[in-house]
Amino acid sequence: MTRSLAGLASAMAVAIAGAGVPAHAAPGSSAPTSQPLSCVPLLSTFQVVLPLPGLFLPLPSIKGLSEFRDLPAARHVQGLPTRVDYRDSNQGFNSYAEFALRSGSIYTRPRDSGDSWRKVTTPGCLDRRVVAISVDSNMLVALDRNGWIYSMDNVLSGPLLWNWTRLFGSPIWFWPGVQVPGQGRARHKWAISHRMSTSFVDARGFTHPTTAGLVQLISLTGGGTRIVYQDPWLPADHSYEIGGPLGGRFVSESVSSSGSVTFVMNKYGDMYTRKYDLDLAGSNEIPGRYTWQLQRRDKPSAPDQLQERFNPAFAAISLPAQEWQHVPKIPGEVTSRISISVSGPRMEDRELRVEGRKNGRTGFWHKGLSETSWRFTDTGGALADPILTDANPAVDQSRSTLVAPTGITFAGRLPGGWRARTDDFDWAQTSHTVTLTGPSGTTYRVTMHTTDGLRLIPRGPGLDNNPRTLAGALDVRSAQPDRSPELAGFVRTTLSGRQIFEISVQLTRSRLTVSPAGLLTRPLGTWTRSR
């Protein structure tokens, strides 16, 4: 069985390479500067199960905590921490173990044990070459100096079951090597997220059960304005993004992510969080059932994910996904070292931490995701990063470093003599303002929601000549069609009587085509880019 699985992985890698894509390349991105280290296997170092944390959550330990004592002791390693308080590129933790990176090697011990550090068993060519790590729930990811991703799963189990692989990306976690974007490899610019929550609350307050994990690697690009996410079940490219705060104009200095909640901070200590991943965005209808329409407030939540998917008596996942939430500013000194971690079974059970100082004492500020007040824990340790001296705790400085709007305008016709225009368009954003102009010349400001579609074939980042397919909805409620006979007529004749009209969008760098949702529908109109 083990050999057949290994053969399957190798055969798929050969097939991918034979299709014209080198097995070490990341399609849709710049050419790789190296190859992944070959001693890290395609399948796994632990030849029992496939490296699919989303399906095996988690495996039980064989001998429990005693397995740590079987690892080599770190007797002569300098600088290992006395405590692990953050999830960043040099250390991390889950509920079972904590990890630290020193001189290219990874060390571990049981969480909050204070035990001696032990050396993690690592493939020989990767040991002493790791430049950064990130840990969340059942996964640890390590990067080499060229940004290649190597993942170790089963880390909620004992070390005997820890398993290394270099596979990451579609098809179903079988792509034989993927790199993090260049800018995203820097300190505080990337993090792994592994969602294993039992439930989450959607943007309209409905609770949804979840039964499988979801892995995504978050990284900052575009000088801190773009947030790329890579999922091991998605194409091996850099084409998926979480639209950043404040219309994508917010400049993030640091990012952390845990269980599909992303946490960002700018250089003035202003912070935002967002619950977002492929499933929450509405991009994956295999396990999820979604709706852009308003649901009755009393519609019940399903008892399990299977019934939610197939039984319309239960609430579907509301779209669009919840937007960024502005985090209260910290009433004290902070650095750019931020961290988010799991604190309970629900997606909303997350703790935010920020390194800082209070009354001359060093430590970290912390609060729950939905809490409004920060508390301080005094650790007495040295600060890893400089204090943000320009941060003013009493002033919201979120807009102090905003980049310019995109300057992209799409405009064109709709049926019945109507015209549409959207300015400063950013495809990665969830919501876009659209100005409708009726035959009378009257203008109406409405909203177009979009979400990136599920793809199986790699593509380039951003907009190019290769059409990007988005799902979405045109929401005209804000223009109050009940008070305008002209707009009410447009809703009746063009939008099938729906004030929230579901659409499909085909998008390139020069054209935006809007069609009714569904197969083989006729486009409502094509809008061209005017600048």
Protein backbone atom coordinates (compact mmCIF):
# COMPACT_ATOMS: atom_id res chain seq x y z
CA MET A 1 0.00 0.00 0.00
CA THR A 2 2.77 2.43 0.92
CA ARG A 3 4.67 1.76 -2.28
CA SER A 4 1.55 2.17 -4.39
CA LEU A 5 0.85 5.58 -2.83
CA ALA A 6 4.43 6.66 -3.38
CA GLY A 7 4.19 5.45 -6.95
CA LEU A 8 1.01 7.45 -7.47
CA ALA A 9 2.70 10.63 -6.22
CA SER A 10 5.73 10.04 -8.45
CA ALA A 11 3.57 9.24 -11.47
CA MET A 12 1.55 12.42 -10.99
CA ALA A 13 4.74 14.47 -10.72
CA VAL A 14 6.02 12.93 -13.96
CA ALA A 15 2.68 13.57 -15.66
CA ILE A 16 2.75 17.21 -14.55
CA ALA A 17 6.29 17.63 -15.85
CA GLY A 18 5.37 15.85 -19.07
CA ALA A 19 2.55 18.35 -19.64
CA GLY A 20 5.15 21.04 -20.19
CA VAL A 21 5.62 22.36 -16.64
CA PRO A 22 8.88 21.48 -14.89
CA ALA A 23 8.26 19.55 -11.69
CA HIS A 24 10.11 22.24 -9.74
CA ALA A 25 8.33 25.23 -11.25
CA ALA A 26 5.49 27.30 -9.83
CA PRO A 27 3.34 28.17 -12.86
CA GLY A 28 1.96 31.66 -13.05
CA SER A 29 4.90 33.12 -11.15
CA SER A 30 8.45 34.06 -12.04
CA ALA A 31 10.85 31.22 -12.88
CA PRO A 32 12.19 29.48 -9.76
CA THR A 33 15.69 30.32 -8.63
CA SER A 34 16.38 26.73 -7.59
CA GLN A 35 14.71 23.40 -7.08
CA PRO A 36 13.21 22.04 -3.87
CA LEU A 37 15.56 19.84 -1.89
CA SER A 38 15.19 16.34 -3.26
CA CYS A 39 15.81 14.49 0.01
CA VAL A 40 12.47 15.81 1.27
CA PRO A 41 10.19 13.16 -0.24
CA LEU A 42 7.28 13.63 -2.58
CA LEU A 43 5.00 11.47 -0.51
CA SER A 44 6.18 11.49 3.09
CA THR A 45 8.84 10.49 5.55
CA PHE A 46 6.17 8.63 7.50
CA GLN A 47 4.88 6.10 4.96
CA VAL A 48 1.51 5.25 6.48
CA VAL A 49 -0.93 7.97 5.35
CA LEU A 50 -0.90 10.59 2.66
CA PRO A 51 0.20 14.09 3.74
CA LEU A 52 -3.37 15.38 3.86
CA PRO A 53 -4.03 17.07 7.22
CA GLY A 54 -7.45 18.06 5.93
CA LEU A 55 -8.48 14.41 5.98
CA PHE A 56 -6.65 13.04 9.03
CA LEU A 57 -7.30 15.31 12.04
CA PRO A 58 -5.21 14.41 14.03
CA LEU A 59 -3.74 10.94 14.37
CA PRO A 60 -3.45 9.68 17.95
CA SER A 61 0.04 9.57 19.43
CA ILE A 62 1.68 6.17 19.69
CA LYS A 63 3.36 6.62 23.08
CA GLY A 64 2.24 10.12 24.07
CA LEU A 65 4.56 12.76 25.52
CA SER A 66 7.28 10.20 26.22
CA GLU A 67 8.06 10.29 22.48
CA PHE A 68 9.76 13.67 22.95
CA ARG A 69 12.42 12.00 25.10
CA ASP A 70 13.39 9.81 22.14
CA LEU A 71 14.52 12.87 20.18
CA PRO A 72 18.17 14.03 20.44
CA ALA A 73 18.76 16.53 23.22
CA ALA A 74 19.79 20.09 22.23
CA ARG A 75 22.72 20.20 24.62
CA HIS A 76 25.00 22.71 22.92
CA VAL A 77 22.52 24.91 21.04
CA GLN A 78 22.67 28.59 21.96
CA GLY A 79 19.75 30.97 22.21
CA LEU A 80 16.81 28.62 22.54
CA PRO A 81 13.95 30.47 24.28
CA THR A 82 12.91 29.86 27.86
CA ARG A 83 9.28 30.42 26.81
CA VAL A 84 7.39 30.53 23.51
CA ASP A 85 4.80 33.32 23.41
CA TYR A 86 4.50 34.01 19.67
CA ARG A 87 3.85 32.30 16.37
CA ASP A 88 6.37 33.87 14.03
CA SER A 89 9.19 32.83 11.69
CA ASN A 90 11.52 31.75 14.52
CA GLN A 91 9.16 30.02 16.93
CA GLY A 92 5.62 28.73 17.23
CA PHE A 93 3.24 26.47 19.09
CA ASN A 94 0.00 24.55 19.06
CA SER A 95 -1.89 23.05 22.00
CA TYR A 96 0.48 20.06 22.09
CA ALA A 97 4.03 21.22 21.31
CA GLU A 98 6.20 24.27 20.87
CA PHE A 99 8.98 24.80 18.35
CA ALA A 100 12.01 27.05 17.87
CA LEU A 101 14.39 27.59 14.97
CA ARG A 102 18.11 28.04 15.57
CA SER A 103 20.98 27.88 13.06
CA GLY A 104 18.79 26.26 10.42
CA SER A 105 17.56 23.41 12.63
CA ILE A 106 14.20 22.97 14.39
CA TYR A 107 13.80 22.13 18.07
CA THR A 108 10.75 21.11 20.07
CA ARG A 109 9.32 20.24 23.47
CA PRO A 110 5.82 19.68 24.93
CA ARG A 111 3.78 22.90 25.16
CA ASP A 112 4.26 24.92 28.36
CA SER A 113 6.33 22.11 29.88
CA GLY A 114 9.59 23.95 30.46
CA ASP A 115 11.34 20.71 29.50
CA SER A 116 14.68 20.57 27.75
CA TRP A 117 14.61 21.27 24.04
CA ARG A 118 14.93 18.34 21.63
CA LYS A 119 15.93 18.30 17.95
CA VAL A 120 13.18 17.61 15.43
CA THR A 121 13.98 14.76 13.04
CA THR A 122 14.40 16.47 9.67
CA PRO A 123 15.44 15.19 6.21
CA GLY A 124 19.23 15.47 6.02
CA CYS A 125 19.49 18.00 3.20
CA LEU A 126 16.93 20.30 4.88
CA ASP A 127 18.45 20.22 8.36
CA ARG A 128 20.59 23.32 9.01
CA ARG A 129 19.08 24.97 5.89
CA VAL A 130 15.72 26.11 7.29
CA VAL A 131 15.47 29.92 7.35
CA ALA A 132 11.91 30.31 8.67
CA ILE A 133 9.10 28.26 10.20
CA SER A 134 5.42 28.70 10.95
CA VAL A 135 3.22 26.45 13.09
CA ASP A 136 -0.57 26.22 13.35
CA SER A 137 -2.72 23.39 14.67
CA ASN A 138 -1.63 20.15 12.97
CA MET A 139 1.02 21.62 10.63
CA LEU A 140 4.51 23.10 10.65
CA VAL A 141 5.86 24.68 7.48
CA ALA A 142 9.56 25.36 6.90
CA LEU A 143 11.11 27.51 4.17
CA ASP A 144 14.61 27.27 2.74
CA ARG A 145 16.50 30.37 1.56
CA ASN A 146 14.81 30.19 -1.85
CA GLY A 147 11.32 30.11 -0.37
CA TRP A 148 10.49 26.47 -1.11
CA ILE A 149 7.71 25.08 1.09
CA TYR A 150 8.32 21.92 3.16
CA SER A 151 5.49 20.86 5.46
CA MET A 152 5.50 18.62 8.50
CA ASP A 153 2.08 17.42 9.58
CA ASN A 154 0.60 15.40 12.46
CA VAL A 155 2.18 17.87 14.91
CA LEU A 156 -0.80 17.51 17.26
CA SER A 157 0.45 13.94 17.69
CA GLY A 158 3.68 12.62 19.16
CA PRO A 159 6.95 12.99 17.22
CA LEU A 160 6.83 9.38 16.00
CA LEU A 161 4.05 10.41 13.61
CA TRP A 162 5.53 13.71 12.43
CA ASN A 163 5.74 13.59 8.67
CA TRP A 164 7.69 15.67 6.12
CA THR A 165 6.76 16.26 2.48
CA ARG A 166 7.54 18.82 -0.22
CA LEU A 167 4.20 18.26 -1.97
CA PHE A 168 1.97 21.36 -1.97
CA GLY A 169 -0.63 22.38 -4.54
CA SER A 170 -3.19 20.92 -6.95
CA PRO A 171 -4.00 18.23 -7.86
CA ILE A 172 -5.06 17.34 -4.30
CA TRP A 173 -1.74 18.15 -2.61
CA PHE A 174 0.37 16.35 -5.24
CA TRP A 175 2.27 19.25 -6.84
CA PRO A 176 5.97 18.47 -6.26
CA GLY A 177 7.26 21.83 -5.03
CA VAL A 178 5.96 25.38 -4.55
CA GLN A 179 7.65 28.64 -3.52
CA VAL A 180 6.33 31.48 -1.38
CA PRO A 181 6.31 34.80 -3.32
CA GLY A 182 9.63 36.64 -3.09
CA GLN A 183 8.47 39.57 -0.95
CA GLY A 184 6.50 37.22 1.28
CA ARG A 185 9.62 35.39 2.50
CA ALA A 186 10.80 38.28 4.69
CA ARG A 187 10.39 38.40 8.46
CA HIS A 188 6.77 38.88 9.60
CA LYS A 189 5.54 38.61 6.00
CA TRP A 190 4.11 35.07 5.91
CA ALA A 191 2.36 32.48 8.06
CA ILE A 192 0.69 29.09 7.80
CA SER A 193 -2.96 28.72 8.80
CA HIS A 194 -4.62 25.39 9.51
CA ARG A 195 -8.34 25.58 10.31
CA MET A 196 -9.66 22.76 12.47
CA SER A 197 -12.54 24.62 14.14
CA THR A 198 -15.86 22.91 14.85
CA SER A 199 -17.95 25.88 13.67
CA PHE A 200 -17.88 29.45 12.40
CA VAL A 201 -20.26 32.39 12.22
CA ASP A 202 -20.81 33.92 8.78
CA ALA A 203 -21.17 37.58 7.82
CA ARG A 204 -24.90 37.62 8.64
CA GLY A 205 -24.67 35.82 11.96
CA PHE A 206 -25.54 32.23 10.99
CA THR A 207 -23.51 29.49 12.67
CA HIS A 208 -22.13 26.71 10.46
CA PRO A 209 -20.62 23.33 11.47
CA THR A 210 -17.28 22.26 10.00
CA THR A 211 -15.81 18.77 9.98
CA ALA A 212 -12.59 19.05 7.95
CA GLY A 213 -9.44 21.12 8.14
CA LEU A 214 -8.37 23.80 5.69
CA VAL A 215 -4.74 24.80 5.11
CA GLN A 216 -3.57 28.05 3.56
CA LEU A 217 -0.28 29.91 3.54
CA ILE A 218 -0.63 33.71 3.74
CA SER A 219 2.05 36.11 2.50
CA LEU A 220 2.36 39.86 2.00
CA THR A 221 3.34 41.17 -1.43
CA GLY A 222 2.94 44.46 -3.29
CA GLY A 223 4.87 46.32 -0.63
CA GLY A 224 2.36 45.16 2.00
CA THR A 225 -0.82 46.00 0.05
CA ARG A 226 -1.52 42.54 -1.42
CA ILE A 227 -2.21 39.35 0.55
CA VAL A 228 -1.58 36.15 -1.43
CA TYR A 229 -2.88 32.84 -0.16
CA GLN A 230 -1.69 29.42 -1.30
CA ASP A 231 -3.75 26.34 -0.57
CA PRO A 232 -2.32 22.83 -1.12
CA TRP A 233 -5.51 21.88 -2.99
CA LEU A 234 -5.30 24.92 -5.31
CA PRO A 235 -3.07 25.43 -8.38
CA ALA A 236 0.61 25.94 -7.61
CA ASP A 237 0.65 29.65 -8.36
CA HIS A 238 0.26 33.05 -6.68
CA SER A 239 -3.10 33.93 -8.22
CA TYR A 240 -5.39 33.87 -5.19
CA GLU A 241 -5.59 36.91 -2.89
CA ILE A 242 -7.42 38.20 0.15
CA GLY A 243 -8.31 41.78 -0.70
CA GLY A 244 -6.57 43.96 1.91
CA PRO A 245 -8.16 46.42 4.36
CA LEU A 246 -9.47 49.81 3.28
CA GLY A 247 -10.08 48.80 -0.30
CA GLY A 248 -6.62 47.23 -0.64
CA ARG A 249 -4.84 50.53 0.09
CA PHE A 250 -3.75 49.69 3.66
CA VAL A 251 -0.01 48.98 3.93
CA SER A 252 0.66 46.02 6.23
CA GLU A 253 4.06 45.76 7.90
CA SER A 254 3.38 42.33 9.39
CA VAL A 255 0.92 39.47 9.10
CA SER A 256 -0.08 36.46 11.16
CA SER A 257 -2.79 33.91 10.47
CA SER A 258 -4.38 31.06 12.38
CA GLY A 259 -7.38 28.89 11.60
CA SER A 260 -8.46 31.06 8.62
CA VAL A 261 -8.30 34.32 10.60
CA THR A 262 -5.74 36.77 9.21
CA PHE A 263 -4.24 39.54 11.39
CA VAL A 264 -2.33 42.51 9.95
CA MET A 265 -0.64 45.64 11.35
CA ASN A 266 0.79 48.78 9.76
CA LYS A 267 3.87 50.72 10.88
CA TYR A 268 1.77 52.86 13.23
CA GLY A 269 0.33 49.93 15.17
CA ASP A 270 -3.09 50.00 13.49
CA MET A 271 -4.56 46.51 13.11
CA TYR A 272 -7.26 44.60 11.25
CA THR A 273 -8.49 40.99 11.28
CA ARG A 274 -10.54 39.00 8.79
CA LYS A 275 -12.09 35.53 8.70
CA TYR A 276 -11.37 34.37 5.16
CA ASP A 277 -10.36 31.32 3.18
CA LEU A 278 -11.40 29.49 0.02
CA ASP A 279 -14.48 28.00 1.68
CA LEU A 280 -15.61 31.15 3.48
CA ALA A 281 -15.21 33.20 0.29
CA GLY A 282 -17.79 31.11 -1.56
CA SER A 283 -15.24 29.66 -3.96
CA ASN A 284 -15.66 25.98 -3.10
CA GLU A 285 -19.13 24.55 -3.64
CA ILE A 286 -17.96 20.96 -3.22
CA PRO A 287 -18.34 20.98 0.60
CA GLY A 288 -20.25 24.26 0.95
CA ARG A 289 -23.69 25.62 0.03
CA TYR A 290 -23.78 29.39 -0.36
CA THR A 291 -26.28 32.16 -0.93
CA TRP A 292 -26.01 35.82 -1.91
CA GLN A 293 -29.66 36.29 -0.95
CA LEU A 294 -30.91 37.35 2.47
CA GLN A 295 -32.04 34.42 4.62
CA ARG A 296 -34.71 34.48 7.30
CA ARG A 297 -33.16 35.35 10.64
CA ASP A 298 -34.85 32.35 12.24
CA LYS A 299 -33.57 29.85 9.68
CA PRO A 300 -31.90 27.07 11.69
CA SER A 301 -28.26 26.06 11.49
CA ALA A 302 -27.58 22.53 10.31
CA PRO A 303 -26.50 19.92 12.87
CA ASP A 304 -23.64 18.81 10.62
CA GLN A 305 -21.86 19.82 7.43
CA LEU A 306 -23.42 17.12 5.25
CA GLN A 307 -26.98 18.22 6.04
CA GLU A 308 -26.02 21.86 5.54
CA ARG A 309 -24.67 21.04 2.06
CA PHE A 310 -27.74 19.18 0.79
CA ASN A 311 -30.74 20.22 2.91
CA PRO A 312 -32.13 23.69 2.00
CA ALA A 313 -34.15 23.73 5.22
CA PHE A 314 -30.93 24.78 6.97
CA ALA A 315 -29.09 28.07 6.55
CA ALA A 316 -26.54 28.31 3.76
CA ILE A 317 -23.26 30.19 4.13
CA SER A 318 -24.03 33.88 3.60
CA LEU A 319 -22.12 35.83 0.98
CA PRO A 320 -20.24 38.08 0.66
CA ALA A 321 -17.71 36.91 3.24
CA GLN A 322 -17.26 39.04 6.33
CA GLU A 323 -15.11 42.10 5.73
CA TRP A 324 -12.07 43.26 7.71
CA GLN A 325 -12.66 44.17 11.33
CA HIS A 326 -10.79 47.17 12.74
CA VAL A 327 -8.99 46.14 15.94
CA PRO A 328 -8.90 48.60 18.86
CA LYS A 329 -5.51 50.25 19.15
CA ILE A 330 -3.20 49.14 21.96
CA PRO A 331 -2.87 51.67 24.82
CA GLY A 332 0.90 51.37 25.06
CA GLU A 333 4.15 50.75 23.22
CA VAL A 334 4.27 48.01 20.59
CA THR A 335 6.58 46.46 18.00
CA SER A 336 5.59 44.96 14.65
CA ARG A 337 5.84 41.43 16.04
CA ILE A 338 2.25 40.17 15.98
CA SER A 339 0.74 36.74 16.51
CA ILE A 340 -2.67 35.07 16.40
CA SER A 341 -3.37 31.61 17.77
CA VAL A 342 -6.17 29.16 18.51
CA SER A 343 -7.80 29.53 21.92
CA GLY A 344 -10.87 27.30 21.55
CA PRO A 345 -12.91 25.08 19.21
CA ARG A 346 -14.75 27.76 17.19
CA MET A 347 -13.20 29.88 14.46
CA GLU A 348 -13.99 32.91 16.60
CA ASP A 349 -11.85 31.51 19.44
CA ARG A 350 -8.58 33.25 18.60
CA GLU A 351 -6.13 35.24 20.70
CA LEU A 352 -4.21 38.22 19.32
CA ARG A 353 -0.76 39.01 20.70
CA VAL A 354 1.52 41.97 20.05
CA GLU A 355 5.02 42.36 21.44
CA GLY A 356 5.48 45.56 23.42
CA ARG A 357 6.20 47.39 26.62
CA LYS A 358 4.19 48.84 29.50
CA ASN A 359 5.61 51.13 32.16
CA GLY A 360 9.12 50.10 31.14
CA ARG A 361 8.38 46.38 31.43
CA THR A 362 8.61 44.13 28.35
CA GLY A 363 6.11 41.45 27.37
CA PHE A 364 3.09 41.15 25.14
CA TRP A 365 -0.34 42.71 24.78
CA HIS A 366 -3.17 40.24 24.19
CA LYS A 367 -6.93 39.97 23.77
CA GLY A 368 -9.56 37.64 22.31
CA LEU A 369 -10.66 38.18 18.73
CA SER A 370 -13.99 39.78 19.66
CA GLU A 371 -12.86 41.47 22.89
CA THR A 372 -12.46 45.24 22.99
CA SER A 373 -9.82 45.63 25.72
CA TRP A 374 -6.14 44.69 25.66
CA ARG A 375 -4.31 43.17 28.62
CA PHE A 376 -0.56 43.02 29.23
CA THR A 377 1.58 40.07 30.29
CA ASP A 378 4.98 40.94 31.70
CA THR A 379 7.65 38.46 30.55
CA GLY A 380 10.79 40.48 31.17
CA GLY A 381 12.36 39.15 27.98
CA ALA A 382 14.25 41.20 25.42
CA LEU A 383 12.19 42.68 22.62
CA ALA A 384 12.82 40.99 19.26
CA ASP A 385 11.82 44.08 17.27
CA PRO A 386 12.15 47.86 17.76
CA ILE A 387 9.34 49.83 19.36
CA LEU A 388 7.16 51.60 16.75
CA THR A 389 8.09 55.11 17.85
CA ASP A 390 5.68 56.83 15.42
CA ALA A 391 2.68 54.90 16.69
CA ASN A 392 0.22 57.07 18.63
CA PRO A 393 -2.02 54.89 20.85
CA ALA A 394 -4.66 57.64 21.01
CA VAL A 395 -4.97 58.23 17.25
CA ASP A 396 -6.30 56.07 14.44
CA GLN A 397 -3.45 56.17 11.90
CA SER A 398 -4.87 53.48 9.59
CA ARG A 399 -5.05 55.93 6.68
CA SER A 400 -1.68 57.57 7.24
CA THR A 401 0.13 55.34 4.74
CA LEU A 402 -2.61 54.51 2.23
CA VAL A 403 -1.36 53.88 -1.29
CA ALA A 404 -3.10 55.53 -4.22
CA PRO A 405 -6.28 53.93 -5.59
CA THR A 406 -5.83 51.58 -8.53
CA GLY A 407 -7.01 54.14 -11.08
CA ILE A 408 -8.68 51.31 -13.02
CA THR A 409 -12.09 52.19 -14.49
CA PHE A 410 -14.39 49.82 -16.36
CA ALA A 411 -17.43 51.26 -18.12
CA GLY A 412 -19.97 50.01 -20.63
CA ARG A 413 -23.58 49.35 -21.54
CA LEU A 414 -26.35 47.30 -19.98
CA PRO A 415 -29.71 46.36 -21.55
CA GLY A 416 -32.45 48.95 -21.96
CA GLY A 417 -30.19 51.92 -22.60
CA TRP A 418 -28.50 51.72 -19.19
CA ARG A 419 -24.80 52.31 -18.61
CA ALA A 420 -22.51 51.14 -15.80
CA ARG A 421 -19.19 52.36 -14.46
CA THR A 422 -16.89 51.21 -11.67
CA ASP A 423 -13.87 53.31 -10.64
CA ASP A 424 -10.65 52.33 -8.86
CA PHE A 425 -11.48 48.69 -9.40
CA ASP A 426 -9.46 46.08 -7.48
CA TRP A 427 -10.39 42.54 -8.49
CA ALA A 428 -9.32 41.06 -5.12
CA GLN A 429 -11.79 43.17 -3.15
CA THR A 430 -15.09 41.60 -2.17
CA SER A 431 -17.27 44.66 -2.88
CA HIS A 432 -17.07 47.32 -5.60
CA THR A 433 -19.09 50.51 -6.02
CA VAL A 434 -20.87 50.66 -9.39
CA THR A 435 -22.61 53.74 -10.79
CA LEU A 436 -25.64 52.91 -12.93
CA THR A 437 -26.90 55.60 -15.29
CA GLY A 438 -30.47 55.23 -16.52
CA PRO A 439 -31.88 56.39 -19.88
CA SER A 440 -33.07 59.54 -18.11
CA GLY A 441 -29.49 60.41 -17.11
CA THR A 442 -30.19 59.77 -13.42
CA THR A 443 -27.35 57.99 -11.60
CA TYR A 444 -27.67 55.29 -8.95
CA ARG A 445 -24.84 54.02 -6.78
CA VAL A 446 -25.07 50.27 -6.17
CA THR A 447 -22.68 47.48 -5.12
CA MET A 448 -21.19 44.61 -7.07
CA HIS A 449 -19.89 41.75 -4.92
CA THR A 450 -17.39 39.26 -6.35
CA THR A 451 -15.40 36.26 -5.25
CA ASP A 452 -12.65 34.37 -7.08
CA GLY A 453 -13.69 31.07 -8.61
CA LEU A 454 -12.33 27.58 -8.04
CA ARG A 455 -9.60 26.81 -10.57
CA LEU A 456 -7.71 23.64 -11.40
CA ILE A 457 -5.20 25.11 -13.87
CA PRO A 458 -2.43 27.54 -12.79
CA ARG A 459 -2.59 31.15 -13.94
CA GLY A 460 -0.65 34.35 -13.36
CA PRO A 461 -1.23 36.76 -10.48
CA GLY A 462 -3.44 39.83 -10.89
CA LEU A 463 -5.09 40.76 -14.17
CA ASP A 464 -3.73 39.80 -17.58
CA ASN A 465 -5.13 38.62 -20.92
CA ASN A 466 -6.14 35.27 -19.44
CA PRO A 467 -9.79 35.67 -18.27
CA ARG A 468 -10.36 35.39 -14.54
CA THR A 469 -13.82 34.05 -13.65
CA LEU A 470 -15.52 35.55 -10.60
CA ALA A 471 -18.87 34.69 -9.05
CA GLY A 472 -20.90 37.46 -7.50
CA ALA A 473 -24.03 39.53 -7.16
CA LEU A 474 -25.24 42.96 -8.18
CA ASP A 475 -26.93 44.49 -5.11
CA VAL A 476 -29.10 47.54 -5.90
CA ARG A 477 -30.83 47.86 -2.51
CA SER A 478 -28.78 50.90 -1.48
CA ALA A 479 -30.23 52.87 -4.41
CA GLN A 480 -33.77 52.23 -3.09
CA PRO A 481 -35.46 50.99 -6.27
CA ASP A 482 -38.85 51.07 -4.53
CA ARG A 483 -38.61 54.87 -4.65
CA SER A 484 -37.53 55.11 -8.28
CA PRO A 485 -39.84 53.87 -11.06
CA GLU A 486 -36.92 53.95 -13.49
CA LEU A 487 -34.66 51.76 -11.33
CA ALA A 488 -37.59 49.53 -10.36
CA GLY A 489 -38.20 48.91 -14.06
CA PHE A 490 -34.54 47.99 -14.57
CA VAL A 491 -34.75 45.52 -11.69
CA ARG A 492 -37.92 43.99 -13.12
CA THR A 493 -36.79 43.66 -16.74
CA THR A 494 -33.01 43.11 -16.49
CA LEU A 495 -32.47 41.65 -13.02
CA SER A 496 -35.44 39.25 -13.04
CA GLY A 497 -37.09 41.21 -10.26
CA ARG A 498 -34.26 40.59 -7.81
CA GLN A 499 -32.63 43.46 -5.92
CA ILE A 500 -29.73 41.05 -5.25
CA PHE A 501 -29.05 39.59 -8.69
CA GLU A 502 -26.49 36.79 -8.95
CA ILE A 503 -23.91 37.20 -11.69
CA SER A 504 -20.78 35.75 -13.24
CA VAL A 505 -17.89 38.03 -14.20
CA GLN A 506 -15.23 37.34 -16.84
CA LEU A 507 -12.34 39.70 -16.23
CA THR A 508 -9.12 40.58 -18.05
CA ARG A 509 -6.87 43.62 -17.78
CA SER A 510 -8.96 45.36 -20.48
CA ARG A 511 -12.50 43.98 -20.24
CA LEU A 512 -15.13 43.09 -17.64
CA THR A 513 -18.08 41.03 -18.89
CA VAL A 514 -21.14 40.62 -16.67
CA SER A 515 -23.54 37.70 -17.20
CA PRO A 516 -26.38 36.21 -15.18
CA ALA A 517 -25.16 33.35 -13.00
CA GLY A 518 -25.58 29.92 -14.55
CA LEU A 519 -24.46 27.94 -17.57
CA LEU A 520 -24.74 29.25 -21.14
CA THR A 521 -26.27 32.59 -20.15
CA ARG A 522 -26.11 35.58 -22.47
CA PRO A 523 -23.92 38.47 -21.21
CA LEU A 524 -25.70 41.55 -19.92
CA GLY A 525 -22.84 43.71 -21.11
CA THR A 526 -19.09 44.08 -21.59
CA TRP A 527 -17.39 47.02 -19.89
CA THR A 528 -14.07 48.19 -21.25
CA ARG A 529 -11.20 49.68 -19.34
CA SER A 530 -10.88 53.40 -19.95
CA ARG A 531 -7.75 54.01 -17.85
